[in-house]
């Protein structure tokens, strides 16, 4: 297992660049830990990662 930490922007730029403009700068800079690294990531996975990341940022904003 190759764990890899990358920014959300790197994931989106590589596999779903059409989503990049939809992200805020804060979302783009989020660190994401990929259990199997970038090599096994599929475009469908990116949608799930983006959805979860946006929810986390919104939840954090509401708590402040």
Protein backbone atom coordinates (compact mmCIF):
# COMPACT_ATOMS: atom_id res chain seq x y z
CA UNK A 1 0.00 0.00 0.00
CA UNK A 2 1.42 3.37 -1.07
CA UNK A 3 -0.12 6.20 0.94
CA UNK A 4 0.29 9.59 -0.66
CA UNK A 5 -0.73 13.07 0.50
CA UNK A 6 -1.68 15.49 -2.26
CA UNK A 7 -3.71 18.66 -2.54
CA UNK A 8 -7.24 18.50 -3.84
CA UNK A 9 -6.21 20.79 -6.69
CA UNK A 10 -3.62 18.26 -7.89
CA UNK A 11 -6.21 15.48 -7.94
CA UNK A 12 -8.75 17.61 -9.78
CA UNK A 13 -6.24 19.01 -12.28
CA UNK A 14 -5.12 15.52 -13.22
CA UNK A 15 -8.42 13.64 -13.41
CA UNK A 16 -11.29 16.14 -13.62
CA UNK A 17 -10.00 19.57 -14.68
CA UNK A 18 -13.53 20.73 -15.51
CA UNK A 19 -14.24 20.81 -11.76
CA UNK A 20 -11.33 23.12 -10.93
CA UNK A 21 -13.27 26.41 -11.37
CA UNK A 22 -15.99 25.13 -9.02
CA UNK A 23 -13.58 24.92 -6.07
CA UNK A 24 -12.67 27.75 -3.75
CA UNK A 25 -9.02 28.47 -3.07
CA UNK A 26 -9.40 26.97 0.39
CA UNK A 27 -10.83 23.75 -1.06
CA UNK A 28 -8.06 23.56 -3.65
CA UNK A 29 -5.41 23.67 -0.92
CA UNK A 30 -6.90 20.86 1.19
CA UNK A 31 -4.55 17.97 1.81
CA UNK A 32 -6.00 14.61 0.84
CA UNK A 33 -4.44 11.32 1.92
CA UNK A 34 -4.83 8.66 -0.74
CA UNK A 35 -4.54 5.13 0.60
CA UNK A 36 -3.28 3.71 -2.71
CA UNK A 37 -1.70 6.84 -4.16
CA UNK A 38 -2.62 8.70 -7.33
CA UNK A 39 -1.91 5.70 -9.54
CA UNK A 40 -5.14 3.85 -8.77
CA UNK A 41 -7.42 6.88 -8.60
CA UNK A 42 -10.29 6.89 -11.10
CA UNK A 43 -12.28 9.91 -12.35
CA UNK A 44 -15.35 8.64 -10.46
CA UNK A 45 -13.31 8.74 -7.26
CA UNK A 46 -12.56 12.42 -7.82
CA UNK A 47 -16.25 13.33 -7.67
CA UNK A 48 -16.60 11.58 -4.32
CA UNK A 49 -13.44 13.21 -2.94
CA UNK A 50 -14.57 16.66 -4.10
CA UNK A 51 -18.04 16.23 -2.59
CA UNK A 52 -16.63 15.11 0.74
CA UNK A 53 -14.03 17.91 0.78
CA UNK A 54 -16.62 20.61 0.10
CA UNK A 55 -18.83 19.24 2.88
CA UNK A 56 -15.91 19.27 5.31
CA UNK A 57 -15.01 22.87 4.48
CA UNK A 58 -18.64 23.96 4.85
CA UNK A 59 -18.98 22.10 8.15
CA UNK A 60 -15.81 23.73 9.46
CA UNK A 61 -17.06 27.16 8.38
CA UNK A 62 -20.36 26.64 10.19
CA UNK A 63 -18.57 25.66 13.39
CA UNK A 64 -16.58 28.88 13.44
